Structure formats: structure tokens, C-alpha cells
Amino acid sequence: MTVSKKSVVSTFSMAMMTAAAVVSLRGLPMMAKEQLTLFGYVAFATFIFLIPAALVSAELGGAFSDKGGGVYTWVKEAFGSRWGFVAIWLQWIQNVVWYPTVLAFSAAAIAYVVGKPALANNGPFVGVFCIVAYWAATLITLRGVGAIARATSWAFLAGTVLPGVIIMILAVIWIAQGNPIAMLHPAATDSVAVMSMAGGHAHPRYFPNITGLGDIAFLAGIILLFAGVEVHAVHANEMAEPRRQFPVAMLIASVAVILLFTLGSFAVATVLPDQQINLQEGLMKAFQQIFTRFGIDWATPVVCLLLAFGGIGGVMSWISGPSRGLLWTAQEGEIPPFLAKVNKNGVQISILIVQGVIVTVLALAYFVMADVSVAFFLLSAVTITLYLIMYMLMYAAAIRLRYSQPDLKRSYRVPGGMVGIWCIAGVGFAGVAFSFLVGFFPPTQLPVGSPALYVGLVVGGTVVFTGLPLLIGTLKRSSWRAAGAPAIVAANAD
């Protein structure tokens, strides 16, 4: 596959695309709901997940920047094309399942823009918005990686960074004016924050109260919030000097992720008590409460419009990455060659159409489930389990490649030699394996209804979506390779 240099991606653009793929302010309410215990979750996600993922993806992205393909190439080089296909499939399909959750956040923001907050919990409204917004983002993506980079950079800065900074500043002003800090004054009914009743008063909890894995089910959701630093490695070979620039972009993106998540969720927990925080509109409620307190109610719809823009920008950032990696598998005969079709901008049009159909079907969950928050987290739980399997494959590939290809030129190496890669990738593998297990337990913080049904849906979704690539590989016809995608791609390029 040849790389077009018509639009070179800069270090800053790559960092912003990566940060936009990871950071979504929709995650702040989930973290804020943990109140003071959020710092323990952030520390776990940062040191057990984000840092290992960033270091490993920087090494693999730099080493294989000339080949492209992202996680598909990395795992293929280590374990063969079959497992490379499984890895990129999981990165792609988890992403497809995830779209309706992030777009539900944008739908809630639009509900505040139009002055009807109740629509944030209206399933049909959320479902319709998800479908329309997704297809609009797809149309922009079809214009090529240059358009994606520009759109996501602006969306991340205006729709994520700016509102994130605003909520942090407002929280500081809130505290300075002597307003109560919600997380320091929990109610006795708070699910995770109350440590004990002493002298008739509830006290905040500083460490998670773990009586069962359901109490830390949000851990898997928080891990998901930090996932995605590897997704734009497929575009590394579209940088002028990928071996030098890609690791730097990973560093910039990681720092931005940690700061925005930690300070932003702290700000939400400062303003809103636990009972007023729900997953899809908690951030909008925080802005509304602060602006109302300061007498500037008009600012709420303005900021919420930015939040909606940021959420849709995050979707655009993800639409191109995993589906681009899947294109490589089509070109190598792992999936039917019609999926290798690209448009005049070199964008994988067939895959994006199939992707859009799946997203449309998944968005229908908002029409049939009574509680939008539960539908939101259920889709997130399926997303988590699928994505964490992919990360296990990525970490295992990084270790294997140090042995199978020791002389491979790596512009960046995880420090510490073989001990270092075993420690970093090993810690990352253990962290995602534990989070994978936790992801199957219903969260005690949400009214999931029937726990058995919840677990059944998560297990069923995980088995079906993980089994599909293995089934495709088993049923794969040799004619895919013989007649396959390279000819189709060449025809599309004419």
C-alpha cells in the first residue's frame, strides 16, 4: 500500500488526533461519581494502563511506521495474520459499539442547548441524534485524513479542551466564593463515597469500598476512558518523520489526557453531589448549576454546544483509525475484497458504510431500554471487554517481537531492555486482564434491573463479536487472496 504525501500529518495534529480519540468529557461524570475515590481510579488507569499503552504503542508504531496497519501489523508480525486480523477486528468492532455512547453525550448536550434538558433522558431523541450525527461525521471522514485532522484538532480544542478548562476555572471560583464542595459533604445514601457515620454525619471515602467486584465495575469504564493512544498509529506513515515524531506525539497526548480527566472530574465532583450525577448529562448539569449561581444562565447553551461539537469530533477521530486498519486486512485477503473499496480520497468507503449500518442498529437500544444511563453503560461494558482483549494481544506482541525480531529498527524502545519490556507490557497485560474480569459485573452504582440479564448481554456481546473474526478466518475462501483487494484498490485509485 503506497502512502500519499499530499497531506502530511504534523506532530501536533497527531497528538491532537490521539488525545481527541482518548479524551471525551463524557467520561467526567463517571469519574466524578466516584468522588474522592476517583484519584485512586485515575492513578490505576494512568500507571497500570495509559503509560504502558503509550510506551508500547510508541515502540511498535515507530518500528512499523513504514508498513502502516497499526495493531494489525504489530500482532501479525508477532503471531501471524490470523491473530493480527482478530486484533484489528476487536479494535474496530469495539469502536463501533462505542459510538452510540459518546454520541449520547452529545445528544444530552444538545438537549441543554435547546433548553429542554429532559430530552437527555428521552430514548428516541438520543437514538435519532446518534444516527444522524454519526452519518454526518462519516461524510466528513470521506473527504480524507487531512479533513479529519483539521476537524478533530478544532473539535478537540474548542469542544473538549476549552470546556474542560472552563469547568476547572469555574470550580476554583466556586470554592473561592465559599460554596460547598459536594464531594466533602456526602449524603448517607451515597453509594461509593460514604465511609461511615460518625457523630451522626457522613464522611467522604478516600479509597474504594470493595465488598464485591460490582463495587468497582466503574473501574473498567474508567480504563476505557483512557484507551485509544494506539489508534492513530495507522497514520504514522503519513508523518514527515514518523520514527521521531510519533513517540513525541504520544507523550503530548498522554499528558493532555491525564490533566483533562483528573482536573475535569474533580471539578464536576466539586459542584454536584452524587445523587445529581448521571452518566450522560452530569457535566451539563454541573455547568448549568455554576452558571445559574453566577447569574449567567445564557452561557449554559453556549458551552453545551461546544461539548456536542467535541463529542462529534471525537467520533470523527475514531472513524478513520480502526477502519483504516481493517482496510489493510481486506487488502491482504483476510476479509471479502469488496470491503477494500476506497473512494478518490483513499478513504475506505465500503467499510464505513458497513460500520454505519451497525451503529444505526446499536443506536436502537435507546428506543427499547427504559433507562438511558443503563443502556449507555451496557454498551460501554461490551466495548470494554472487546477492547481489552485487543490490548492483551498488543502487549503480548510487543514482548514476542523483542525475541523474534531483535534487530528490528525501533526509533523508540521501551527502556530497560528485556526486563523493561516485560515489566511495562506485563503490568499493562495484568491491568487489562483484571479490568476485563471486572467488566462483566453489574455496577452497584446503577439500577441495572436484572443482574442476570445484564451479565448475559455483556457475555453474549463479547462472545459474538470476538467469535466473528475467528469464524471469518475459518470460512475464508482462498479466492479472496487470489482475486482480492490489491486489484480492487488499484481500480479505485484510477
Protein backbone atom coordinates (compact mmCIF):
# COMPACT_ATOMS: atom_id res chain seq x y z
CA MET A 1 0.00 0.00 0.00
CA THR A 2 1.57 3.27 -1.04
CA VAL A 3 1.41 6.32 1.15
CA SER A 4 0.24 9.57 -0.28
CA LYS A 5 2.21 12.57 0.94
CA LYS A 6 -0.33 15.07 -0.38
CA SER A 7 -1.31 15.85 3.19
CA VAL A 8 1.42 15.25 5.81
CA VAL A 9 0.21 14.94 9.40
CA SER A 10 2.23 17.10 11.82
CA THR A 11 3.34 16.10 15.32
CA PHE A 12 0.81 18.47 16.86
CA SER A 13 -2.03 17.20 14.67
CA MET A 14 -1.16 13.59 15.53
CA ALA A 15 -1.08 14.48 19.23
CA MET A 16 -4.43 16.25 18.99
CA MET A 17 -5.98 13.42 16.96
CA THR A 18 -4.73 10.92 19.55
CA ALA A 19 -5.86 12.99 22.52
CA ALA A 20 -9.25 13.53 20.85
CA ALA A 21 -9.55 9.76 20.37
CA VAL A 22 -8.86 9.22 24.09
CA VAL A 23 -10.37 12.20 25.87
CA SER A 24 -14.08 12.72 25.89
CA LEU A 25 -15.60 14.91 28.56
CA ARG A 26 -18.49 12.46 28.62
CA GLY A 27 -16.28 10.42 30.97
CA LEU A 28 -16.06 13.11 33.63
CA PRO A 29 -19.44 12.26 35.26
CA MET A 30 -18.46 8.59 35.58
CA MET A 31 -15.23 9.54 37.33
CA ALA A 32 -16.89 12.31 39.35
CA LYS A 33 -19.46 9.83 40.64
CA GLU A 34 -16.60 8.13 42.47
CA GLN A 35 -15.98 11.47 44.25
CA LEU A 36 -12.72 11.43 46.27
CA THR A 37 -12.08 7.80 45.37
CA LEU A 38 -11.61 8.99 41.77
CA PHE A 39 -7.94 9.72 42.46
CA GLY A 40 -7.34 6.02 43.14
CA TYR A 41 -9.02 5.10 39.87
CA VAL A 42 -7.07 7.74 37.93
CA ALA A 43 -3.80 6.50 39.42
CA PHE A 44 -4.65 2.92 38.45
CA ALA A 45 -5.68 3.90 34.92
CA THR A 46 -2.58 6.09 34.45
CA PHE A 47 0.16 3.82 35.78
CA ILE A 48 -1.35 0.42 35.04
CA PHE A 49 -2.88 1.24 31.68
CA LEU A 50 -2.20 4.60 29.99
CA ILE A 51 1.58 4.75 30.48
CA PRO A 52 2.22 1.13 29.39
CA ALA A 53 -0.13 1.55 26.41
CA ALA A 54 1.56 4.78 25.32
CA LEU A 55 5.09 3.38 25.67
CA VAL A 56 4.33 0.12 23.90
CA SER A 57 2.38 1.75 21.07
CA ALA A 58 5.18 4.31 20.62
CA GLU A 59 7.72 1.49 20.21
CA LEU A 60 5.55 -0.54 17.84
CA GLY A 61 4.28 2.48 15.92
CA GLY A 62 7.79 3.75 15.28
CA ALA A 63 9.14 0.31 14.37
CA PHE A 64 6.45 -0.41 11.79
CA SER A 65 5.69 3.12 10.60
CA ASP A 66 6.79 2.21 7.08
CA LYS A 67 4.30 -0.66 6.91
CA GLY A 68 1.25 1.00 8.45
CA GLY A 69 -1.70 -1.10 9.55
CA GLY A 70 -1.41 -0.23 13.22
CA VAL A 71 -2.26 -3.02 15.66
CA TYR A 72 -2.99 -5.38 12.76
CA THR A 73 0.62 -5.21 11.58
CA TRP A 74 2.04 -5.38 15.10
CA VAL A 75 0.16 -8.54 16.09
CA LYS A 76 0.55 -10.08 12.64
CA GLU A 77 4.35 -9.69 12.80
CA ALA A 78 4.33 -11.42 16.19
CA PHE A 79 1.67 -14.13 15.86
CA GLY A 80 0.63 -14.30 12.19
CA SER A 81 -2.11 -12.78 10.06
CA ARG A 82 -4.97 -14.68 11.74
CA TRP A 83 -4.34 -13.05 15.13
CA GLY A 84 -3.48 -9.75 13.50
CA PHE A 85 -6.95 -9.80 11.98
CA VAL A 86 -8.52 -10.64 15.35
CA ALA A 87 -6.71 -7.69 16.95
CA ILE A 88 -7.72 -5.10 14.36
CA TRP A 89 -11.26 -6.53 14.24
CA LEU A 90 -11.61 -6.08 18.01
CA GLN A 91 -10.24 -2.54 17.83
CA TRP A 92 -12.72 -1.81 15.07
CA ILE A 93 -15.83 -3.51 16.42
CA GLN A 94 -15.44 -2.21 19.99
CA ASN A 95 -15.22 1.19 18.45
CA VAL A 96 -18.43 0.62 16.52
CA VAL A 97 -20.21 -0.40 19.74
CA TRP A 98 -18.77 2.69 21.46
CA TYR A 99 -20.11 5.28 19.01
CA PRO A 100 -23.67 5.31 20.39
CA THR A 101 -22.33 6.03 23.89
CA VAL A 102 -20.25 9.09 23.03
CA LEU A 103 -22.96 10.41 20.73
CA ALA A 104 -25.48 10.01 23.57
CA PHE A 105 -23.33 12.52 25.46
CA SER A 106 -23.53 14.94 22.53
CA ALA A 107 -27.30 14.39 22.38
CA ALA A 108 -27.59 15.35 26.06
CA ALA A 109 -25.55 18.49 25.37
CA ILE A 110 -27.86 19.46 22.51
CA ALA A 111 -30.84 18.96 24.84
CA TYR A 112 -29.39 21.71 27.04
CA VAL A 113 -28.65 23.89 24.01
CA VAL A 114 -32.32 23.90 23.02
CA GLY A 115 -33.42 24.48 26.61
CA LYS A 116 -35.07 21.07 27.11
CA PRO A 117 -32.79 19.11 29.48
CA ALA A 118 -35.41 16.35 29.85
CA LEU A 119 -34.58 15.23 26.30
CA ALA A 120 -31.23 13.98 27.61
CA ASN A 121 -33.12 11.04 29.12
CA ASN A 122 -35.51 10.60 26.21
CA GLY A 123 -34.50 7.38 24.44
CA PRO A 124 -35.96 8.13 20.98
CA PHE A 125 -34.36 11.59 20.91
CA VAL A 126 -30.97 10.18 21.90
CA GLY A 127 -31.27 7.35 19.38
CA VAL A 128 -32.22 9.59 16.46
CA PHE A 129 -29.47 12.07 17.30
CA CYS A 130 -26.86 9.28 17.41
CA ILE A 131 -27.84 8.04 13.97
CA VAL A 132 -27.94 11.47 12.29
CA ALA A 133 -24.72 12.73 13.92
CA TYR A 134 -22.82 9.55 13.08
CA TRP A 135 -23.66 9.69 9.39
CA ALA A 136 -22.75 13.39 9.28
CA ALA A 137 -19.33 12.58 10.78
CA THR A 138 -18.91 9.80 8.22
CA LEU A 139 -19.48 12.23 5.35
CA ILE A 140 -16.68 14.44 6.67
CA THR A 141 -14.40 11.42 7.08
CA LEU A 142 -14.90 10.51 3.43
CA ARG A 143 -13.03 13.69 2.47
CA GLY A 144 -9.72 12.18 3.65
CA VAL A 145 -7.23 12.23 6.51
CA GLY A 146 -6.41 15.92 6.00
CA ALA A 147 -10.02 16.91 6.62
CA ILE A 148 -10.19 14.56 9.63
CA ALA A 149 -7.03 16.04 11.17
CA ARG A 150 -8.30 19.60 10.81
CA ALA A 151 -11.80 18.84 12.05
CA THR A 152 -10.70 16.76 15.03
CA SER A 153 -7.99 19.22 16.07
CA TRP A 154 -10.53 22.08 16.17
CA ALA A 155 -13.19 19.91 17.78
CA PHE A 156 -10.76 18.75 20.47
CA LEU A 157 -9.53 22.26 21.25
CA ALA A 158 -12.92 24.00 21.10
CA GLY A 159 -15.17 21.18 22.27
CA THR A 160 -13.00 19.37 24.80
CA VAL A 161 -10.02 21.43 25.98
CA LEU A 162 -11.88 24.77 26.21
CA PRO A 163 -14.92 23.45 28.14
CA GLY A 164 -12.57 21.38 30.30
CA VAL A 165 -10.53 24.45 31.20
CA ILE A 166 -13.72 26.45 31.79
CA ILE A 167 -15.16 23.90 34.25
CA MET A 168 -11.85 23.81 36.13
CA ILE A 169 -11.68 27.61 36.42
CA LEU A 170 -15.31 27.83 37.48
CA ALA A 171 -14.75 25.16 40.12
CA VAL A 172 -11.88 27.21 41.56
CA ILE A 173 -14.10 30.30 41.66
CA TRP A 174 -16.89 28.19 43.20
CA ILE A 175 -14.59 27.14 46.03
CA ALA A 176 -13.10 30.64 46.46
CA GLN A 177 -16.58 32.10 46.97
CA GLY A 178 -17.22 29.73 49.85
CA ASN A 179 -19.72 27.46 48.11
CA PRO A 180 -19.96 23.91 49.49
CA ILE A 181 -17.65 21.28 47.97
CA ALA A 182 -20.07 18.46 47.20
CA MET A 183 -17.62 15.59 47.47
CA LEU A 184 -16.65 16.65 51.02
CA HIS A 185 -20.26 16.58 52.20
CA PRO A 186 -21.70 13.25 51.04
CA ALA A 187 -25.17 12.08 51.95
CA ALA A 188 -25.62 8.89 53.95
CA THR A 189 -27.19 7.27 50.86
CA ASP A 190 -24.24 7.89 48.54
CA SER A 191 -23.24 4.57 47.02
CA VAL A 192 -19.46 4.89 46.92
CA ALA A 193 -18.48 8.00 48.82
CA VAL A 194 -19.67 7.39 52.37
CA MET A 195 -17.06 5.89 54.66
CA SER A 196 -19.03 5.74 57.87
CA MET A 197 -21.42 7.56 60.11
CA ALA A 198 -19.59 9.24 62.97
CA GLY A 199 -21.37 11.59 65.28
CA GLY A 200 -24.41 11.38 63.01
CA HIS A 201 -22.53 12.70 59.97
CA ALA A 202 -21.44 11.03 56.76
CA HIS A 203 -17.78 11.25 55.89
CA PRO A 204 -16.18 11.03 52.46
CA ARG A 205 -14.36 7.89 51.46
CA TYR A 206 -10.82 8.23 50.15
CA PHE A 207 -10.39 4.67 48.91
CA PRO A 208 -12.96 2.48 47.12
CA ASN A 209 -15.23 0.42 49.36
CA ILE A 210 -14.83 -3.03 47.88
CA THR A 211 -17.33 -5.59 49.13
CA GLY A 212 -17.63 -7.23 45.72
CA LEU A 213 -16.46 -6.71 42.16
CA GLY A 214 -19.70 -4.89 41.38
CA ASP A 215 -18.48 -2.05 43.60
CA ILE A 216 -15.55 -1.40 41.25
CA ALA A 217 -17.33 -2.12 37.97
CA PHE A 218 -16.75 1.53 37.04
CA LEU A 219 -13.01 0.75 37.05
CA ALA A 220 -13.40 -0.98 33.69
CA GLY A 221 -15.36 2.00 32.38
CA ILE A 222 -12.66 4.40 33.57
CA ILE A 223 -10.00 2.23 31.92
CA LEU A 224 -11.96 2.60 28.69
CA LEU A 225 -11.81 6.38 29.07
CA PHE A 226 -8.02 6.20 28.90
CA ALA A 227 -7.93 3.81 25.94
CA GLY A 228 -7.04 4.73 22.39
CA VAL A 229 -3.47 6.04 22.38
CA GLU A 230 -2.59 3.42 19.76
CA VAL A 231 -5.49 4.07 17.40
CA HIS A 232 -3.83 6.60 15.09
CA ALA A 233 -0.66 4.57 14.67
CA VAL A 234 -2.21 3.62 11.30
CA HIS A 235 -1.48 7.20 10.19
CA ALA A 236 2.12 7.22 11.47
CA ASN A 237 3.50 6.72 7.96
CA GLU A 238 1.67 9.88 6.87
CA MET A 239 4.00 11.97 9.04
CA ALA A 240 7.16 13.51 7.59
CA GLU A 241 9.48 11.75 10.09
CA PRO A 242 7.31 9.12 11.82
CA ARG A 243 10.11 7.41 13.76
CA ARG A 244 10.89 10.66 15.56
CA GLN A 245 7.52 12.41 15.56
CA PHE A 246 5.17 9.59 16.58
CA PRO A 247 6.67 8.94 20.06
CA VAL A 248 6.65 12.70 20.77
CA ALA A 249 3.00 12.90 19.76
CA MET A 250 2.22 10.02 22.17
CA LEU A 251 3.90 11.92 25.02
CA ILE A 252 1.99 15.15 24.35
CA ALA A 253 -1.31 13.30 24.04
CA SER A 254 -0.77 11.33 27.28
CA VAL A 255 -0.06 14.45 29.32
CA ALA A 256 -3.17 16.16 27.94
CA VAL A 257 -5.29 13.08 28.75
CA ILE A 258 -4.18 12.86 32.39
CA LEU A 259 -4.65 16.56 33.09
CA LEU A 260 -8.06 16.89 31.48
CA PHE A 261 -9.53 13.78 33.07
CA THR A 262 -8.21 14.35 36.59
CA LEU A 263 -8.90 18.05 36.95
CA GLY A 264 -12.15 17.96 34.99
CA SER A 265 -13.74 15.15 37.01
CA PHE A 266 -12.60 16.81 40.25
CA ALA A 267 -14.37 19.99 39.14
CA VAL A 268 -17.65 18.16 38.46
CA ALA A 269 -17.49 16.37 41.84
CA THR A 270 -16.87 19.75 43.50
CA VAL A 271 -20.16 21.19 42.23
CA LEU A 272 -22.57 18.24 42.06
CA PRO A 273 -23.46 15.76 44.82
CA ASP A 274 -23.50 12.07 43.96
CA GLN A 275 -27.29 11.87 43.56
CA GLN A 276 -27.32 14.57 40.85
CA ILE A 277 -24.64 12.96 38.69
CA ASN A 278 -25.78 10.68 35.89
CA LEU A 279 -23.55 9.36 33.16
CA GLN A 280 -24.79 11.13 30.05
CA GLU A 281 -25.70 14.61 31.36
CA GLY A 282 -23.75 15.09 34.58
CA LEU A 283 -21.33 17.56 33.01
CA MET A 284 -24.09 19.69 31.54
CA LYS A 285 -25.79 19.81 34.94
CA ALA A 286 -22.54 21.00 36.54
CA PHE A 287 -22.21 23.84 34.04
CA GLN A 288 -25.87 24.76 34.46
CA GLN A 289 -25.60 24.90 38.26
CA ILE A 290 -22.46 27.02 38.25
CA PHE A 291 -23.72 29.45 35.61
CA THR A 292 -27.05 29.80 37.40
CA ARG A 293 -25.23 30.53 40.65
CA PHE A 294 -23.17 33.22 38.93
CA GLY A 295 -26.21 34.71 37.17
CA ILE A 296 -25.04 33.93 33.63
CA ASP A 297 -27.55 31.29 32.57
CA TRP A 298 -27.09 32.26 28.91
CA ALA A 299 -23.63 30.65 28.99
CA THR A 300 -25.04 27.13 29.52
CA PRO A 301 -26.28 26.53 25.93
CA VAL A 302 -23.08 28.07 24.51
CA VAL A 303 -20.81 25.69 26.42
CA CYS A 304 -23.12 22.76 25.77
CA LEU A 305 -22.92 23.43 22.04
CA LEU A 306 -19.13 23.24 22.31
CA LEU A 307 -19.44 19.96 24.23
CA ALA A 308 -21.62 18.48 21.49
CA PHE A 309 -19.07 19.62 18.89
CA GLY A 310 -16.28 17.99 20.91
CA GLY A 311 -18.15 14.70 21.18
CA ILE A 312 -18.79 14.53 17.45
CA GLY A 313 -15.15 15.46 16.82
CA GLY A 314 -14.09 12.51 18.97
CA VAL A 315 -16.22 10.26 16.81
CA MET A 316 -14.57 11.60 13.65
CA SER A 317 -11.18 10.93 15.22
CA TRP A 318 -12.11 7.27 15.72
CA ILE A 319 -14.00 6.64 12.47
CA SER A 320 -10.85 6.75 10.35
CA GLY A 321 -8.34 4.91 12.55
CA PRO A 322 -9.61 1.37 13.28
CA SER A 323 -11.47 1.16 9.96
CA ARG A 324 -8.23 2.12 8.19
CA GLY A 325 -6.51 -0.77 9.89
CA LEU A 326 -9.33 -3.08 8.81
CA LEU A 327 -8.71 -1.92 5.23
CA TRP A 328 -5.27 -3.49 5.42
CA THR A 329 -6.82 -6.84 6.26
CA ALA A 330 -9.13 -6.56 3.25
CA GLN A 331 -6.15 -5.80 1.03
CA GLU A 332 -4.37 -8.90 2.34
CA GLY A 333 -7.36 -11.18 1.80
CA GLU A 334 -8.43 -11.65 5.42
CA ILE A 335 -11.97 -10.38 4.70
CA PRO A 336 -14.01 -10.19 1.46
CA PRO A 337 -12.34 -7.93 -1.12
CA PHE A 338 -15.39 -5.69 -1.64
CA LEU A 339 -14.51 -4.18 1.75
CA ALA A 340 -11.22 -2.92 0.27
CA LYS A 341 -13.04 -0.39 -1.91
CA VAL A 342 -11.81 3.18 -1.41
CA ASN A 343 -13.03 6.49 -2.80
CA LYS A 344 -11.00 9.09 -4.71
CA ASN A 345 -9.58 10.39 -1.40
CA GLY A 346 -8.29 6.94 -0.49
CA VAL A 347 -10.90 6.51 2.27
CA GLN A 348 -12.30 3.04 2.98
CA ILE A 349 -15.88 3.73 1.81
CA SER A 350 -17.26 0.16 1.92
CA ILE A 351 -16.08 -0.41 5.49
CA LEU A 352 -17.50 2.92 6.62
CA ILE A 353 -20.91 2.07 5.15
CA VAL A 354 -20.98 -1.32 6.89
CA GLN A 355 -19.83 0.39 10.08
CA GLY A 356 -22.61 2.94 9.80
CA VAL A 357 -25.27 0.26 9.42
CA ILE A 358 -24.06 -1.49 12.60
CA VAL A 359 -24.02 1.80 14.54
CA THR A 360 -27.56 2.54 13.36
CA VAL A 361 -28.77 -0.83 14.66
CA LEU A 362 -26.98 -0.43 18.01
CA ALA A 363 -28.44 3.06 18.49
CA LEU A 364 -31.87 1.44 18.53
CA ALA A 365 -31.03 0.27 22.10
CA TYR A 366 -32.00 3.75 23.25
CA PHE A 367 -35.50 3.19 21.87
CA VAL A 368 -36.13 -0.02 23.81
CA MET A 369 -34.33 0.44 27.17
CA ALA A 370 -36.18 2.45 29.80
CA ASP A 371 -33.10 3.96 31.50
CA VAL A 372 -30.73 5.78 29.15
CA SER A 373 -27.88 5.59 31.69
CA VAL A 374 -28.16 1.80 31.88
CA ALA A 375 -28.21 1.50 28.07
CA PHE A 376 -25.22 3.85 28.00
CA PHE A 377 -23.19 1.75 30.44
CA LEU A 378 -24.27 -1.59 28.95
CA LEU A 379 -22.91 -0.58 25.55
CA SER A 380 -19.80 0.72 27.32
CA ALA A 381 -19.34 -2.63 29.11
CA VAL A 382 -19.42 -4.58 25.83
CA THR A 383 -17.00 -2.06 24.35
CA ILE A 384 -14.63 -2.53 27.29
CA THR A 385 -14.43 -6.31 27.14
CA LEU A 386 -13.74 -6.31 23.40
CA TYR A 387 -11.11 -3.59 23.57
CA LEU A 388 -9.25 -5.14 26.49
CA ILE A 389 -8.80 -8.41 24.59
CA MET A 390 -7.11 -6.39 21.83
CA TYR A 391 -4.79 -4.75 24.36
CA MET A 392 -3.76 -8.17 25.70
CA LEU A 393 -2.77 -9.14 22.16
CA MET A 394 -0.86 -5.87 21.70
CA TYR A 395 1.17 -6.29 24.90
CA ALA A 396 1.90 -9.93 24.11
CA ALA A 397 3.05 -8.92 20.60
CA ALA A 398 5.44 -6.29 21.98
CA ILE A 399 7.17 -8.92 24.14
CA ARG A 400 7.23 -11.55 21.39
CA LEU A 401 8.74 -9.16 18.84
CA ARG A 402 11.68 -8.37 21.13
CA TYR A 403 12.60 -12.06 20.76
CA SER A 404 11.52 -12.81 17.19
CA GLN A 405 12.82 -9.55 15.65
CA PRO A 406 15.56 -8.29 17.99
CA ASP A 407 17.34 -6.38 15.21
CA LEU A 408 14.23 -4.52 14.04
CA LYS A 409 14.98 -0.80 13.86
CA ARG A 410 12.97 0.88 16.61
CA SER A 411 13.06 4.68 16.74
CA TYR A 412 11.86 4.40 20.33
CA ARG A 413 12.33 1.49 22.70
CA VAL A 414 10.60 0.88 26.00
CA PRO A 415 13.53 1.48 28.39
CA GLY A 416 15.20 -1.26 30.41
CA GLY A 417 15.89 -3.82 27.71
CA MET A 418 14.14 -7.17 28.01
CA VAL A 419 13.41 -6.61 31.69
CA GLY A 420 11.84 -3.26 30.86
CA ILE A 421 9.52 -4.58 28.15
CA TRP A 422 8.47 -7.49 30.36
CA CYS A 423 7.71 -5.12 33.25
CA ILE A 424 5.89 -2.44 31.22
CA ALA A 425 3.99 -4.74 28.88
CA GLY A 426 3.48 -7.27 31.69
CA VAL A 427 1.97 -4.68 34.00
CA GLY A 428 -0.24 -3.45 31.16
CA PHE A 429 -1.37 -7.00 30.40
CA ALA A 430 -2.18 -7.74 34.04
CA GLY A 431 -4.07 -4.46 34.40
CA VAL A 432 -6.28 -5.04 31.38
CA ALA A 433 -6.86 -8.70 32.35
CA PHE A 434 -8.15 -7.62 35.76
CA SER A 435 -10.29 -4.87 34.23
CA PHE A 436 -11.64 -7.39 31.71
CA LEU A 437 -12.88 -9.58 34.57
CA VAL A 438 -14.43 -6.61 36.40
CA GLY A 439 -16.25 -5.52 33.25
CA PHE A 440 -18.66 -8.46 33.47
CA PHE A 441 -20.05 -7.43 36.87
CA PRO A 442 -23.12 -5.14 37.07
CA PRO A 443 -22.18 -1.80 38.69
CA THR A 444 -23.75 -1.24 42.10
CA GLN A 445 -23.94 2.49 41.24
CA LEU A 446 -26.64 1.97 38.58
CA PRO A 447 -30.15 0.45 38.62
CA VAL A 448 -29.39 -2.32 36.11
CA GLY A 449 -32.60 -4.23 36.84
CA SER A 450 -31.92 -7.93 36.35
CA PRO A 451 -28.21 -8.64 37.03
CA ALA A 452 -28.51 -11.94 35.17
CA LEU A 453 -29.83 -10.21 32.05
CA TYR A 454 -27.09 -7.57 32.26
CA VAL A 455 -24.33 -10.18 32.56
CA GLY A 456 -25.92 -12.26 29.83
CA LEU A 457 -25.97 -9.34 27.40
CA VAL A 458 -22.34 -8.41 28.14
CA VAL A 459 -21.14 -12.02 27.86
CA GLY A 460 -23.23 -12.59 24.72
CA GLY A 461 -21.94 -9.44 23.04
CA THR A 462 -18.34 -10.33 23.92
CA VAL A 463 -18.63 -13.91 22.65
CA VAL A 464 -20.38 -12.96 19.41
CA PHE A 465 -18.11 -10.07 18.46
CA THR A 466 -14.93 -11.95 19.43
CA GLY A 467 -16.03 -15.12 17.69
CA LEU A 468 -16.85 -13.43 14.40
CA PRO A 469 -13.24 -12.83 13.26
CA LEU A 470 -12.33 -16.42 14.15
CA LEU A 471 -15.35 -17.66 12.20
CA ILE A 472 -14.48 -15.43 9.25
CA GLY A 473 -10.95 -16.79 9.29
CA THR A 474 -12.25 -20.36 9.31
CA LEU A 475 -14.68 -19.78 6.45
CA LYS A 476 -12.32 -17.58 4.47
CA ARG A 477 -12.12 -18.59 0.83
CA SER A 478 -8.79 -18.83 -0.93
CA SER A 479 -10.31 -16.85 -3.80
CA TRP A 480 -10.24 -13.74 -1.56
CA ARG A 481 -6.47 -13.78 -1.80
CA ALA A 482 -6.34 -14.79 -5.47
CA ALA A 483 -8.86 -12.30 -6.78
CA GLY A 484 -8.50 -9.93 -3.93
CA ALA A 485 -8.22 -6.48 -2.79
CA PRO A 486 -4.99 -5.15 -4.31
CA ALA A 487 -6.63 -5.20 -7.75
CA ILE A 488 -9.74 -3.56 -6.34
CA VAL A 489 -7.72 -0.84 -4.65
CA ALA A 490 -5.80 -0.21 -7.84
CA ALA A 491 -9.06 0.11 -9.76
CA ASN A 492 -10.41 2.57 -7.24
CA ALA A 493 -7.30 4.67 -7.46
CA ASP A 494 -7.79 5.24 -11.20
